[in-house]
Every structure is written in structure tokens, then in C-alpha cells.
Amino acid sequence: MAEASITLGYWGIQGLAEPIVKLLEYLGLKYQVKAYTSPEEWAADKATLNTPFPNLPYLKVGDKTLTESEAIAYFLVFHANRTDLFGANNDERVQATAVRGVISDLSRDVSGFLWDASKHAEQAKYFEEKV
């Protein structure tokens, strides 16, 4: 049986798709990237996605389209049959969930600095205290 082709759609930047790219590479899955360069290009494709939540990044595997970064990551782990990455037992799974939460919080906070020019002066203090 042929393996379904995998396409990752995102803007032509690293951003939210980069952890998915790293996971695809780690899992050894073959994939292609659809890098959008304009809102018009994205709008044209967005209307064709067969998903209740059309958004970027998205992942197409065969006729299935997924959105939301965490859902995509979970799908890829299941798709690659690597559920060991969630932990070997319940304690490890809970610990992995806690680590994901910390990383998510840190990512959200840091993103605010990167995208809001008025907060750039606060970066040094933030990194001194939290990182």
C-alpha cells in the first residue's frame, strides 16, 4: 500500500509551522511544504480545504486535512506509530503534558515581544527573570 502524501501549509516563514517541520523530520516522514506568499494566495486555497477550522498551519495527508498545531503534532505521532513519544506510562504522559504547557506559555510570552514593537524594551528584563 502506498504511503499517503503529506503536505504542510504555512506562510513562507518559520513561525508556528517550524515545530511541525522538526517533528516530521524527527519521525522520518516524507513531506512537502506549501509556502504561502500572499493573503490572496492563502484565501484562494483556504476555501478549498475540507476542514471545519481552515487555518494555517494545516496538514494534508491523503484526503484528510488537519489544522491547529497541537492536533497536527498528535496526528503525526499516531500516524508514525510513535506513541512512545507521549511517555511510557501515565506518570511520564502527565509530565510530558506539563512540559508542553510550560513551553506553550513561554512561547506565547516570547511571541508577544517578537511581534509587538512596543515591548522590545522589556525583552532584556523578561529574559533575565524568566528564562
C-alpha atoms as a PDB file:
ATOM      1  CA  MET A   1       0.000   0.000   0.000  1.00  0.00           C
ATOM      2  CA  ALA A   2       1.407   3.403  -0.963  1.00  0.00           C
ATOM      3  CA  GLU A   3       2.026   5.898   1.809  1.00  0.00           C
ATOM      4  CA  ALA A   4      -0.260   8.950   1.673  1.00  0.00           C
ATOM      5  CA  SER A   5       1.497  12.146   0.653  1.00  0.00           C
ATOM      6  CA  ILE A   6       1.910  14.760   3.390  1.00  0.00           C
ATOM      7  CA  THR A   7       1.671  18.489   2.697  1.00  0.00           C
ATOM      8  CA  LEU A   8       2.275  21.146   5.322  1.00  0.00           C
ATOM      9  CA  GLY A   9       0.777  24.539   4.501  1.00  0.00           C
ATOM     10  CA  TYR A  10       2.012  27.747   6.116  1.00  0.00           C
ATOM     11  CA  TRP A  11       3.335  31.209   5.363  1.00  0.00           C
ATOM     12  CA  GLY A  12       6.798  31.324   3.820  1.00  0.00           C
ATOM     13  CA  ILE A  13       8.353  31.834   7.288  1.00  0.00           C
ATOM     14  CA  GLN A  14       9.263  29.502  10.136  1.00  0.00           C
ATOM     15  CA  GLY A  15       6.706  30.572  12.770  1.00  0.00           C
ATOM     16  CA  LEU A  16       4.128  28.098  14.053  1.00  0.00           C
ATOM     17  CA  ALA A  17       4.939  25.501  11.402  1.00  0.00           C
ATOM     18  CA  GLU A  18       8.571  25.082  12.454  1.00  0.00           C
ATOM     19  CA  PRO A  19       7.918  22.656  15.347  1.00  0.00           C
ATOM     20  CA  ILE A  20       5.795  20.579  12.952  1.00  0.00           C
ATOM     21  CA  VAL A  21       8.650  20.546  10.419  1.00  0.00           C
ATOM     22  CA  LYS A  22      11.047  19.407  13.160  1.00  0.00           C
ATOM     23  CA  LEU A  23       8.623  16.640  14.177  1.00  0.00           C
ATOM     24  CA  LEU A  24       8.178  15.483  10.562  1.00  0.00           C
ATOM     25  CA  GLU A  25      11.961  15.314  10.231  1.00  0.00           C
ATOM     26  CA  TYR A  26      12.388  13.517  13.561  1.00  0.00           C
ATOM     27  CA  LEU A  27       9.751  10.955  12.623  1.00  0.00           C
ATOM     28  CA  GLY A  28      11.367  10.421   9.222  1.00  0.00           C
ATOM     29  CA  LEU A  29       8.169  11.216   7.347  1.00  0.00           C
ATOM     30  CA  LYS A  30       8.376  12.446   3.769  1.00  0.00           C
ATOM     31  CA  TYR A  31       6.530  15.702   3.244  1.00  0.00           C
ATOM     32  CA  GLN A  32       6.284  18.792   1.099  1.00  0.00           C
ATOM     33  CA  VAL A  33       5.677  22.385   2.144  1.00  0.00           C
ATOM     34  CA  LYS A  34       3.122  24.711   0.570  1.00  0.00           C
ATOM     35  CA  ALA A  35       4.558  28.138   1.463  1.00  0.00           C
ATOM     36  CA  TYR A  36       2.075  30.982   1.027  1.00  0.00           C
ATOM     37  CA  THR A  37       3.473  34.331  -0.031  1.00  0.00           C
ATOM     38  CA  SER A  38       0.328  36.467  -0.009  1.00  0.00           C
ATOM     39  CA  PRO A  39      -3.038  36.691   1.749  1.00  0.00           C
ATOM     40  CA  GLU A  40      -4.748  36.345  -1.646  1.00  0.00           C
ATOM     41  CA  GLU A  41      -2.968  33.069  -2.375  1.00  0.00           C
ATOM     42  CA  TRP A  42      -3.958  31.732   1.056  1.00  0.00           C
ATOM     43  CA  ALA A  43      -7.583  32.903   0.654  1.00  0.00           C
ATOM     44  CA  ALA A  44      -7.908  31.000  -2.626  1.00  0.00           C
ATOM     45  CA  ASP A  45      -6.671  27.745  -1.059  1.00  0.00           C
ATOM     46  CA  LYS A  46      -8.471  28.275   2.257  1.00  0.00           C
ATOM     47  CA  ALA A  47     -11.837  27.955   0.550  1.00  0.00           C
ATOM     48  CA  THR A  48     -10.863  24.513  -0.785  1.00  0.00           C
ATOM     49  CA  LEU A  49      -9.733  22.932   2.491  1.00  0.00           C
ATOM     50  CA  ASN A  50     -12.116  20.262   3.679  1.00  0.00           C
ATOM     51  CA  THR A  51     -11.903  21.033   7.395  1.00  0.00           C
ATOM     52  CA  PRO A  52     -14.176  22.763   9.909  1.00  0.00           C
ATOM     53  CA  PHE A  53     -11.324  25.039  11.028  1.00  0.00           C
ATOM     54  CA  PRO A  54      -9.398  26.222   7.943  1.00  0.00           C
ATOM     55  CA  ASN A  55      -6.286  27.905   9.266  1.00  0.00           C
ATOM     56  CA  LEU A  56      -2.516  27.989   8.993  1.00  0.00           C
ATOM     57  CA  PRO A  57      -0.630  25.833   9.574  1.00  0.00           C
ATOM     58  CA  TYR A  58      -2.530  22.936   8.065  1.00  0.00           C
ATOM     59  CA  LEU A  59      -1.522  19.395   7.266  1.00  0.00           C
ATOM     60  CA  LYS A  60      -2.934  17.357   4.380  1.00  0.00           C
ATOM     61  CA  VAL A  61      -2.481  13.602   4.473  1.00  0.00           C
ATOM     62  CA  GLY A  62      -4.241  11.916   1.604  1.00  0.00           C
ATOM     63  CA  ASP A  63      -7.790  13.292   1.633  1.00  0.00           C
ATOM     64  CA  LYS A  64      -7.616  14.365   5.303  1.00  0.00           C
ATOM     65  CA  THR A  65      -6.870  17.989   6.269  1.00  0.00           C
ATOM     66  CA  LEU A  66      -5.954  18.954   9.819  1.00  0.00           C
ATOM     67  CA  THR A  67      -5.405  22.335  11.431  1.00  0.00           C
ATOM     68  CA  GLU A  68      -4.200  23.526  14.833  1.00  0.00           C
ATOM     69  CA  SER A  69      -0.555  22.894  15.654  1.00  0.00           C
ATOM     70  CA  GLU A  70      -1.048  20.614  18.639  1.00  0.00           C
ATOM     71  CA  ALA A  71      -3.629  18.458  16.849  1.00  0.00           C
ATOM     72  CA  ILE A  72      -1.261  18.153  13.890  1.00  0.00           C
ATOM     73  CA  ALA A  73       1.574  17.049  16.189  1.00  0.00           C
ATOM     74  CA  TYR A  74      -0.632  14.444  17.868  1.00  0.00           C
ATOM     75  CA  PHE A  75      -1.784  13.139  14.489  1.00  0.00           C
ATOM     76  CA  LEU A  76       1.791  12.801  13.232  1.00  0.00           C
ATOM     77  CA  VAL A  77       2.859  10.845  16.315  1.00  0.00           C
ATOM     78  CA  PHE A  78      -0.069   8.441  15.806  1.00  0.00           C
ATOM     79  CA  HIS A  79       0.491   8.333  12.026  1.00  0.00           C
ATOM     80  CA  ALA A  80       4.133   7.327  12.551  1.00  0.00           C
ATOM     81  CA  ASN A  81       3.104   4.786  15.205  1.00  0.00           C
ATOM     82  CA  ARG A  82       5.376   6.517  17.758  1.00  0.00           C
ATOM     83  CA  THR A  83       3.053   6.858  20.746  1.00  0.00           C
ATOM     84  CA  ASP A  84       6.107   6.137  22.911  1.00  0.00           C
ATOM     85  CA  LEU A  85       6.845   9.845  22.434  1.00  0.00           C
ATOM     86  CA  PHE A  86       3.892  10.604  24.733  1.00  0.00           C
ATOM     87  CA  GLY A  87       5.562   8.652  27.552  1.00  0.00           C
ATOM     88  CA  ALA A  88       5.959   5.033  28.572  1.00  0.00           C
ATOM     89  CA  ASN A  89       3.434   5.200  31.414  1.00  0.00           C
ATOM     90  CA  ASN A  90       0.832   7.540  32.898  1.00  0.00           C
ATOM     91  CA  ASP A  91       3.348   9.415  35.067  1.00  0.00           C
ATOM     92  CA  GLU A  92       5.535  10.154  32.048  1.00  0.00           C
ATOM     93  CA  ARG A  93       2.495  11.195  29.988  1.00  0.00           C
ATOM     94  CA  VAL A  94       1.420  13.647  32.697  1.00  0.00           C
ATOM     95  CA  GLN A  95       4.964  15.022  32.939  1.00  0.00           C
ATOM     96  CA  ALA A  96       5.120  15.437  29.150  1.00  0.00           C
ATOM     97  CA  THR A  97       1.818  17.313  29.243  1.00  0.00           C
ATOM     98  CA  ALA A  98       3.179  19.635  31.928  1.00  0.00           C
ATOM     99  CA  VAL A  99       6.309  20.336  29.876  1.00  0.00           C
ATOM    100  CA  ARG A 100       4.164  21.094  26.801  1.00  0.00           C
ATOM    101  CA  GLY A 101       2.188  23.568  28.905  1.00  0.00           C
ATOM    102  CA  VAL A 102       5.325  25.355  30.113  1.00  0.00           C
ATOM    103  CA  ILE A 103       6.694  25.533  26.577  1.00  0.00           C
ATOM    104  CA  SER A 104       3.364  26.853  25.305  1.00  0.00           C
ATOM    105  CA  ASP A 105       3.257  29.567  27.975  1.00  0.00           C
ATOM    106  CA  LEU A 106       6.838  30.603  27.293  1.00  0.00           C
ATOM    107  CA  SER A 107       6.246  30.614  23.543  1.00  0.00           C
ATOM    108  CA  ARG A 108       3.158  32.817  23.917  1.00  0.00           C
ATOM    109  CA  ASP A 109       5.019  35.289  26.120  1.00  0.00           C
ATOM    110  CA  VAL A 110       8.077  35.452  23.882  1.00  0.00           C
ATOM    111  CA  SER A 111       5.929  35.824  20.747  1.00  0.00           C
ATOM    112  CA  GLY A 112       4.365  38.924  22.260  1.00  0.00           C
ATOM    113  CA  PHE A 113       7.778  40.532  22.401  1.00  0.00           C
ATOM    114  CA  LEU A 114       8.714  39.497  18.897  1.00  0.00           C
ATOM    115  CA  TRP A 115       5.537  40.837  17.283  1.00  0.00           C
ATOM    116  CA  ASP A 116       4.806  43.911  19.416  1.00  0.00           C
ATOM    117  CA  ALA A 117       7.435  46.608  18.853  1.00  0.00           C
ATOM    118  CA  SER A 118       6.305  48.498  21.958  1.00  0.00           C
ATOM    119  CA  LYS A 119       7.501  45.591  24.127  1.00  0.00           C
ATOM    120  CA  HIS A 120      11.021  45.300  22.727  1.00  0.00           C
ATOM    121  CA  ALA A 121      12.462  47.454  25.521  1.00  0.00           C
ATOM    122  CA  GLU A 122      11.156  44.915  28.051  1.00  0.00           C
ATOM    123  CA  GLN A 123      12.829  41.883  26.450  1.00  0.00           C
ATOM    124  CA  ALA A 124      16.079  42.021  28.400  1.00  0.00           C
ATOM    125  CA  LYS A 125      14.252  42.199  31.733  1.00  0.00           C
ATOM    126  CA  TYR A 126      11.921  39.343  30.794  1.00  0.00           C
ATOM    127  CA  PHE A 127      14.747  37.037  29.740  1.00  0.00           C
ATOM    128  CA  GLU A 128      16.710  37.917  32.873  1.00  0.00           C
ATOM    129  CA  GLU A 129      13.785  36.971  35.123  1.00  0.00           C
ATOM    130  CA  LYS A 130      12.085  34.093  33.306  1.00  0.00           C
ATOM    131  CA  VAL A 131      14.498  32.337  31.015  1.00  0.00           C
END
